[in-house]
Amino acid sequence: MLTIRQSLQLDAVASGALGLLLLVLSGPAEEHLGLAVGLSIGVGAFLLLWAAVVGWASTKDSHALPTEIAYANIGWVVASVVFLVASSLPGLGGAFVLAQAGAVALFAELQIVAVRKACRVPAGSVA
């Protein structure tokens, strides 16, 4: 079981890595995945900023920040599915969008579980 801090750090590292890859490999992403260069650059830049925010949040002692980040991650998953349905990506591009959405859904789950675990009051103690 990951702690809140660990779940946020994992999210930050993965988001930053994907952001960097999308920025550096925007041309091949268009060629092989069908993702427009502008989309890859925009999403890549956003993910680098997101990684910085999530990394910063991992240094704070808060249950509200990770919960809000988890909800934002759920929003990202929904937006990814909507994008996939509305776009005409080739098979590999669609698989890529689904894979990253699945990873983000996992981060949201890890964050929610970690917050719930951290908020539990041990049996027999007074809250």
N, C-alpha and C. Protein backbone atom coordinates (compact mmCIF):
# COMPACT_ATOMS: atom_id res chain seq x y z
N MET A 1 0.85 -1.18 0.00
CA MET A 1 0.00 0.00 0.00
C MET A 1 0.90 1.24 0.00
N LEU A 2 0.64 2.13 -0.93
CA LEU A 2 1.41 3.37 -1.01
C LEU A 2 0.86 4.41 -0.05
N THR A 3 1.74 5.26 0.44
CA THR A 3 1.31 6.40 1.24
C THR A 3 0.80 7.49 0.30
N ILE A 4 0.19 8.51 0.88
CA ILE A 4 -0.27 9.65 0.07
C ILE A 4 0.92 10.24 -0.68
N ARG A 5 1.99 10.48 0.03
CA ARG A 5 3.18 11.09 -0.58
C ARG A 5 3.70 10.24 -1.74
N GLN A 6 3.79 8.94 -1.53
CA GLN A 6 4.30 8.05 -2.59
C GLN A 6 3.38 8.03 -3.81
N SER A 7 2.07 8.02 -3.57
CA SER A 7 1.14 8.00 -4.71
C SER A 7 1.24 9.29 -5.52
N LEU A 8 1.43 10.40 -4.84
CA LEU A 8 1.59 11.67 -5.54
C LEU A 8 2.93 11.73 -6.28
N GLN A 9 3.98 11.23 -5.65
CA GLN A 9 5.29 11.24 -6.30
C GLN A 9 5.28 10.36 -7.55
N LEU A 10 4.64 9.21 -7.48
CA LEU A 10 4.54 8.34 -8.64
C LEU A 10 3.79 9.04 -9.77
N ASP A 11 2.70 9.70 -9.43
CA ASP A 11 1.92 10.46 -10.40
C ASP A 11 2.77 11.56 -11.02
N ALA A 12 3.50 12.28 -10.20
CA ALA A 12 4.34 13.39 -10.69
C ALA A 12 5.42 12.88 -11.65
N VAL A 13 6.08 11.81 -11.29
CA VAL A 13 7.15 11.27 -12.14
C VAL A 13 6.58 10.78 -13.47
N ALA A 14 5.48 10.03 -13.42
CA ALA A 14 4.89 9.51 -14.65
C ALA A 14 4.35 10.63 -15.53
N SER A 15 3.69 11.62 -14.91
CA SER A 15 3.16 12.75 -15.68
C SER A 15 4.29 13.54 -16.33
N GLY A 16 5.35 13.79 -15.58
CA GLY A 16 6.49 14.51 -16.13
C GLY A 16 7.17 13.75 -17.25
N ALA A 17 7.31 12.44 -17.07
CA ALA A 17 7.95 11.62 -18.11
C ALA A 17 7.12 11.61 -19.39
N LEU A 18 5.81 11.44 -19.26
CA LEU A 18 4.96 11.45 -20.45
C LEU A 18 4.95 12.83 -21.10
N GLY A 19 4.91 13.87 -20.29
CA GLY A 19 4.96 15.22 -20.83
C GLY A 19 6.22 15.47 -21.63
N LEU A 20 7.34 15.06 -21.08
CA LEU A 20 8.62 15.23 -21.77
C LEU A 20 8.66 14.43 -23.06
N LEU A 21 8.18 13.19 -23.00
CA LEU A 21 8.15 12.36 -24.20
C LEU A 21 7.27 12.97 -25.29
N LEU A 22 6.11 13.49 -24.91
CA LEU A 22 5.23 14.10 -25.90
C LEU A 22 5.87 15.34 -26.52
N LEU A 23 6.59 16.11 -25.73
CA LEU A 23 7.27 17.29 -26.27
C LEU A 23 8.40 16.90 -27.22
N VAL A 24 9.22 15.98 -26.78
CA VAL A 24 10.41 15.60 -27.56
C VAL A 24 10.03 14.77 -28.79
N LEU A 25 9.01 13.94 -28.65
CA LEU A 25 8.66 13.02 -29.74
C LEU A 25 7.34 13.40 -30.39
N SER A 26 7.05 14.69 -30.47
CA SER A 26 5.77 15.11 -31.05
C SER A 26 5.66 14.70 -32.53
N GLY A 27 6.74 14.75 -33.25
CA GLY A 27 6.72 14.33 -34.66
C GLY A 27 6.41 12.85 -34.81
N PRO A 28 7.16 11.99 -34.15
CA PRO A 28 6.84 10.56 -34.23
C PRO A 28 5.46 10.22 -33.64
N ALA A 29 5.02 10.99 -32.66
CA ALA A 29 3.68 10.74 -32.10
C ALA A 29 2.61 10.99 -33.16
N GLU A 30 2.84 12.00 -34.00
CA GLU A 30 1.89 12.26 -35.08
C GLU A 30 1.96 11.14 -36.12
N GLU A 31 3.17 10.77 -36.48
CA GLU A 31 3.35 9.77 -37.52
C GLU A 31 2.81 8.40 -37.11
N HIS A 32 3.10 7.97 -35.90
CA HIS A 32 2.77 6.60 -35.48
C HIS A 32 1.46 6.48 -34.70
N LEU A 33 1.08 7.55 -34.01
CA LEU A 33 -0.13 7.48 -33.17
C LEU A 33 -1.28 8.30 -33.72
N GLY A 34 -0.98 9.18 -34.67
CA GLY A 34 -2.03 10.03 -35.22
C GLY A 34 -2.34 11.24 -34.35
N LEU A 35 -1.47 11.53 -33.38
CA LEU A 35 -1.66 12.70 -32.51
C LEU A 35 -1.02 13.91 -33.18
N ALA A 36 -1.80 14.94 -33.41
CA ALA A 36 -1.29 16.15 -34.05
C ALA A 36 -0.13 16.72 -33.24
N VAL A 37 0.86 17.27 -33.95
CA VAL A 37 2.03 17.83 -33.27
C VAL A 37 1.61 18.88 -32.24
N GLY A 38 0.70 19.77 -32.63
CA GLY A 38 0.25 20.81 -31.70
C GLY A 38 -0.39 20.23 -30.45
N LEU A 39 -1.16 19.17 -30.63
CA LEU A 39 -1.79 18.51 -29.48
C LEU A 39 -0.73 17.91 -28.57
N SER A 40 0.24 17.21 -29.15
CA SER A 40 1.30 16.60 -28.35
C SER A 40 2.10 17.65 -27.58
N ILE A 41 2.40 18.76 -28.24
CA ILE A 41 3.17 19.82 -27.58
C ILE A 41 2.34 20.45 -26.46
N GLY A 42 1.08 20.75 -26.74
CA GLY A 42 0.21 21.35 -25.71
C GLY A 42 0.01 20.43 -24.53
N VAL A 43 -0.29 19.18 -24.79
CA VAL A 43 -0.51 18.22 -23.70
C VAL A 43 0.80 17.97 -22.96
N GLY A 44 1.90 17.88 -23.70
CA GLY A 44 3.20 17.67 -23.07
C GLY A 44 3.56 18.81 -22.12
N ALA A 45 3.35 20.04 -22.56
CA ALA A 45 3.64 21.21 -21.70
C ALA A 45 2.73 21.21 -20.48
N PHE A 46 1.44 20.91 -20.69
CA PHE A 46 0.51 20.85 -19.56
C PHE A 46 0.97 19.78 -18.57
N LEU A 47 1.36 18.63 -19.06
CA LEU A 47 1.76 17.55 -18.15
C LEU A 47 3.02 17.90 -17.35
N LEU A 48 3.92 18.66 -17.94
CA LEU A 48 5.10 19.10 -17.16
C LEU A 48 4.67 20.04 -16.04
N LEU A 49 3.74 20.94 -16.32
CA LEU A 49 3.22 21.81 -15.27
C LEU A 49 2.46 21.00 -14.22
N TRP A 50 1.64 20.07 -14.67
CA TRP A 50 0.88 19.21 -13.76
C TRP A 50 1.84 18.43 -12.86
N ALA A 51 2.90 17.90 -13.43
CA ALA A 51 3.88 17.14 -12.66
C ALA A 51 4.50 18.02 -11.57
N ALA A 52 4.76 19.27 -11.89
CA ALA A 52 5.31 20.19 -10.89
C ALA A 52 4.32 20.43 -9.76
N VAL A 53 3.04 20.62 -10.10
CA VAL A 53 2.01 20.84 -9.07
C VAL A 53 1.85 19.61 -8.19
N VAL A 54 1.78 18.44 -8.81
CA VAL A 54 1.60 17.20 -8.04
C VAL A 54 2.84 16.93 -7.19
N GLY A 55 4.01 17.18 -7.75
CA GLY A 55 5.25 17.03 -6.96
C GLY A 55 5.27 17.96 -5.77
N TRP A 56 4.86 19.20 -5.97
CA TRP A 56 4.77 20.16 -4.87
C TRP A 56 3.77 19.67 -3.83
N ALA A 57 2.61 19.19 -4.28
CA ALA A 57 1.58 18.70 -3.36
C ALA A 57 2.09 17.53 -2.53
N SER A 58 3.01 16.75 -3.09
CA SER A 58 3.54 15.60 -2.34
C SER A 58 4.40 16.03 -1.16
N THR A 59 4.80 17.30 -1.13
CA THR A 59 5.61 17.78 -0.01
C THR A 59 4.75 18.37 1.11
N LYS A 60 3.46 18.48 0.88
CA LYS A 60 2.55 19.09 1.87
C LYS A 60 1.87 18.01 2.71
N ASP A 61 1.56 18.37 3.92
CA ASP A 61 0.85 17.46 4.82
C ASP A 61 -0.63 17.80 4.77
N SER A 62 -1.29 17.28 3.75
CA SER A 62 -2.69 17.62 3.52
C SER A 62 -3.42 16.41 2.97
N HIS A 63 -4.69 16.30 3.33
CA HIS A 63 -5.53 15.27 2.72
C HIS A 63 -6.39 15.88 1.63
N ALA A 64 -6.58 17.18 1.68
CA ALA A 64 -7.43 17.84 0.70
C ALA A 64 -6.74 17.89 -0.68
N LEU A 65 -5.46 18.24 -0.71
CA LEU A 65 -4.75 18.33 -1.99
C LEU A 65 -4.76 17.00 -2.75
N PRO A 66 -4.40 15.89 -2.12
CA PRO A 66 -4.42 14.63 -2.87
C PRO A 66 -5.81 14.24 -3.33
N THR A 67 -6.82 14.58 -2.55
CA THR A 67 -8.19 14.28 -2.96
C THR A 67 -8.56 15.09 -4.19
N GLU A 68 -8.21 16.37 -4.19
CA GLU A 68 -8.48 17.22 -5.35
C GLU A 68 -7.70 16.75 -6.57
N ILE A 69 -6.48 16.32 -6.37
CA ILE A 69 -5.67 15.80 -7.47
C ILE A 69 -6.29 14.52 -8.02
N ALA A 70 -6.77 13.66 -7.14
CA ALA A 70 -7.43 12.43 -7.59
C ALA A 70 -8.66 12.75 -8.44
N TYR A 71 -9.46 13.73 -8.00
CA TYR A 71 -10.64 14.12 -8.78
C TYR A 71 -10.23 14.73 -10.13
N ALA A 72 -9.16 15.51 -10.14
CA ALA A 72 -8.67 16.06 -11.41
C ALA A 72 -8.21 14.92 -12.32
N ASN A 73 -7.58 13.90 -11.74
CA ASN A 73 -7.17 12.75 -12.53
C ASN A 73 -8.38 12.03 -13.13
N ILE A 74 -9.45 11.91 -12.36
CA ILE A 74 -10.67 11.30 -12.88
C ILE A 74 -11.22 12.13 -14.04
N GLY A 75 -11.16 13.45 -13.90
CA GLY A 75 -11.56 14.33 -14.99
C GLY A 75 -10.72 14.10 -16.24
N TRP A 76 -9.43 13.88 -16.06
CA TRP A 76 -8.53 13.62 -17.18
C TRP A 76 -8.93 12.32 -17.89
N VAL A 77 -9.28 11.31 -17.10
CA VAL A 77 -9.71 10.03 -17.68
C VAL A 77 -10.97 10.23 -18.52
N VAL A 78 -11.93 10.95 -17.97
CA VAL A 78 -13.18 11.22 -18.71
C VAL A 78 -12.88 12.00 -19.99
N ALA A 79 -12.04 13.03 -19.88
CA ALA A 79 -11.69 13.83 -21.05
C ALA A 79 -10.97 12.99 -22.10
N SER A 80 -10.14 12.07 -21.65
CA SER A 80 -9.42 11.18 -22.59
C SER A 80 -10.40 10.30 -23.36
N VAL A 81 -11.38 9.76 -22.66
CA VAL A 81 -12.38 8.90 -23.31
C VAL A 81 -13.21 9.72 -24.29
N VAL A 82 -13.61 10.92 -23.88
CA VAL A 82 -14.38 11.79 -24.78
C VAL A 82 -13.55 12.13 -26.01
N PHE A 83 -12.28 12.45 -25.82
CA PHE A 83 -11.39 12.74 -26.94
C PHE A 83 -11.30 11.54 -27.87
N LEU A 84 -11.15 10.36 -27.30
CA LEU A 84 -11.01 9.16 -28.11
C LEU A 84 -12.28 8.91 -28.94
N VAL A 85 -13.43 9.09 -28.33
CA VAL A 85 -14.69 8.88 -29.04
C VAL A 85 -14.87 9.93 -30.14
N ALA A 86 -14.47 11.17 -29.88
CA ALA A 86 -14.67 12.26 -30.83
C ALA A 86 -13.61 12.29 -31.93
N SER A 87 -12.51 11.63 -31.73
CA SER A 87 -11.42 11.69 -32.72
C SER A 87 -11.47 10.48 -33.65
N SER A 88 -10.61 10.55 -34.63
CA SER A 88 -10.50 9.42 -35.56
C SER A 88 -9.08 8.87 -35.51
N LEU A 89 -8.61 8.61 -34.31
CA LEU A 89 -7.25 8.10 -34.16
C LEU A 89 -7.16 6.68 -34.71
N PRO A 90 -6.00 6.36 -35.29
CA PRO A 90 -5.80 4.97 -35.71
C PRO A 90 -5.69 4.06 -34.48
N GLY A 91 -5.70 2.78 -34.70
CA GLY A 91 -5.70 1.80 -33.61
C GLY A 91 -4.61 2.02 -32.57
N LEU A 92 -3.38 2.26 -33.00
CA LEU A 92 -2.28 2.45 -32.05
C LEU A 92 -2.46 3.74 -31.25
N GLY A 93 -2.94 4.78 -31.89
CA GLY A 93 -3.21 6.04 -31.19
C GLY A 93 -4.31 5.87 -30.16
N GLY A 94 -5.35 5.15 -30.51
CA GLY A 94 -6.43 4.87 -29.57
C GLY A 94 -5.94 4.05 -28.39
N ALA A 95 -5.10 3.07 -28.67
CA ALA A 95 -4.54 2.25 -27.60
C ALA A 95 -3.68 3.10 -26.66
N PHE A 96 -2.92 4.03 -27.24
CA PHE A 96 -2.09 4.92 -26.43
C PHE A 96 -2.96 5.78 -25.50
N VAL A 97 -4.02 6.37 -26.05
CA VAL A 97 -4.91 7.21 -25.24
C VAL A 97 -5.55 6.38 -24.13
N LEU A 98 -6.00 5.18 -24.45
CA LEU A 98 -6.60 4.31 -23.43
C LEU A 98 -5.58 3.89 -22.37
N ALA A 99 -4.36 3.60 -22.79
CA ALA A 99 -3.33 3.18 -21.84
C ALA A 99 -2.99 4.29 -20.86
N GLN A 100 -2.83 5.51 -21.36
CA GLN A 100 -2.50 6.61 -20.45
C GLN A 100 -3.69 6.92 -19.55
N ALA A 101 -4.91 6.80 -20.07
CA ALA A 101 -6.10 7.02 -19.25
C ALA A 101 -6.19 5.96 -18.15
N GLY A 102 -5.85 4.73 -18.49
CA GLY A 102 -5.84 3.66 -17.49
C GLY A 102 -4.81 3.92 -16.39
N ALA A 103 -3.64 4.40 -16.78
CA ALA A 103 -2.61 4.72 -15.79
C ALA A 103 -3.07 5.86 -14.88
N VAL A 104 -3.70 6.86 -15.45
CA VAL A 104 -4.18 7.99 -14.66
C VAL A 104 -5.30 7.54 -13.71
N ALA A 105 -6.16 6.65 -14.19
CA ALA A 105 -7.21 6.10 -13.32
C ALA A 105 -6.59 5.35 -12.15
N LEU A 106 -5.51 4.63 -12.41
CA LEU A 106 -4.81 3.93 -11.33
C LEU A 106 -4.22 4.92 -10.33
N PHE A 107 -3.64 6.01 -10.81
CA PHE A 107 -3.11 7.03 -9.89
C PHE A 107 -4.22 7.58 -9.01
N ALA A 108 -5.37 7.87 -9.61
CA ALA A 108 -6.51 8.39 -8.84
C ALA A 108 -6.92 7.40 -7.76
N GLU A 109 -7.00 6.14 -8.13
CA GLU A 109 -7.38 5.10 -7.17
C GLU A 109 -6.35 5.01 -6.03
N LEU A 110 -5.07 5.01 -6.37
CA LEU A 110 -4.02 4.95 -5.35
C LEU A 110 -4.12 6.14 -4.40
N GLN A 111 -4.39 7.31 -4.94
CA GLN A 111 -4.48 8.51 -4.12
C GLN A 111 -5.70 8.46 -3.21
N ILE A 112 -6.83 8.03 -3.72
CA ILE A 112 -8.05 7.95 -2.91
C ILE A 112 -7.89 6.92 -1.80
N VAL A 113 -7.34 5.76 -2.14
CA VAL A 113 -7.12 4.71 -1.13
C VAL A 113 -6.15 5.20 -0.06
N ALA A 114 -5.08 5.88 -0.47
CA ALA A 114 -4.09 6.37 0.50
C ALA A 114 -4.69 7.41 1.44
N VAL A 115 -5.52 8.30 0.90
CA VAL A 115 -6.17 9.31 1.74
C VAL A 115 -7.12 8.62 2.72
N ARG A 116 -7.90 7.69 2.24
CA ARG A 116 -8.83 6.98 3.13
C ARG A 116 -8.09 6.25 4.24
N LYS A 117 -7.00 5.61 3.88
CA LYS A 117 -6.21 4.89 4.88
C LYS A 117 -5.64 5.87 5.91
N ALA A 118 -5.16 7.00 5.46
CA ALA A 118 -4.56 7.99 6.36
C ALA A 118 -5.59 8.63 7.27
N CYS A 119 -6.84 8.68 6.83
CA CYS A 119 -7.90 9.33 7.62
C CYS A 119 -8.58 8.38 8.61
N ARG A 120 -8.30 7.11 8.52
CA ARG A 120 -8.94 6.16 9.45
C ARG A 120 -8.48 6.40 10.87
N VAL A 121 -9.44 6.32 11.76
CA VAL A 121 -9.14 6.42 13.19
C VAL A 121 -9.05 4.99 13.71
N PRO A 122 -7.96 4.63 14.39
CA PRO A 122 -7.83 3.26 14.90
C PRO A 122 -8.98 2.90 15.83
N ALA A 123 -9.40 1.65 15.78
CA ALA A 123 -10.50 1.18 16.63
C ALA A 123 -10.14 1.37 18.09
N GLY A 124 -11.11 1.83 18.87
CA GLY A 124 -10.92 2.01 20.30
C GLY A 124 -10.35 3.35 20.69
N SER A 125 -9.93 4.16 19.71
CA SER A 125 -9.40 5.48 20.07
C SER A 125 -10.49 6.52 19.95
N VAL A 126 -10.28 7.62 20.60
CA VAL A 126 -11.26 8.72 20.58
C VAL A 126 -10.82 9.70 19.50
N ALA A 127 -11.75 10.06 18.65
CA ALA A 127 -11.41 10.98 17.56
C ALA A 127 -11.39 12.40 18.06
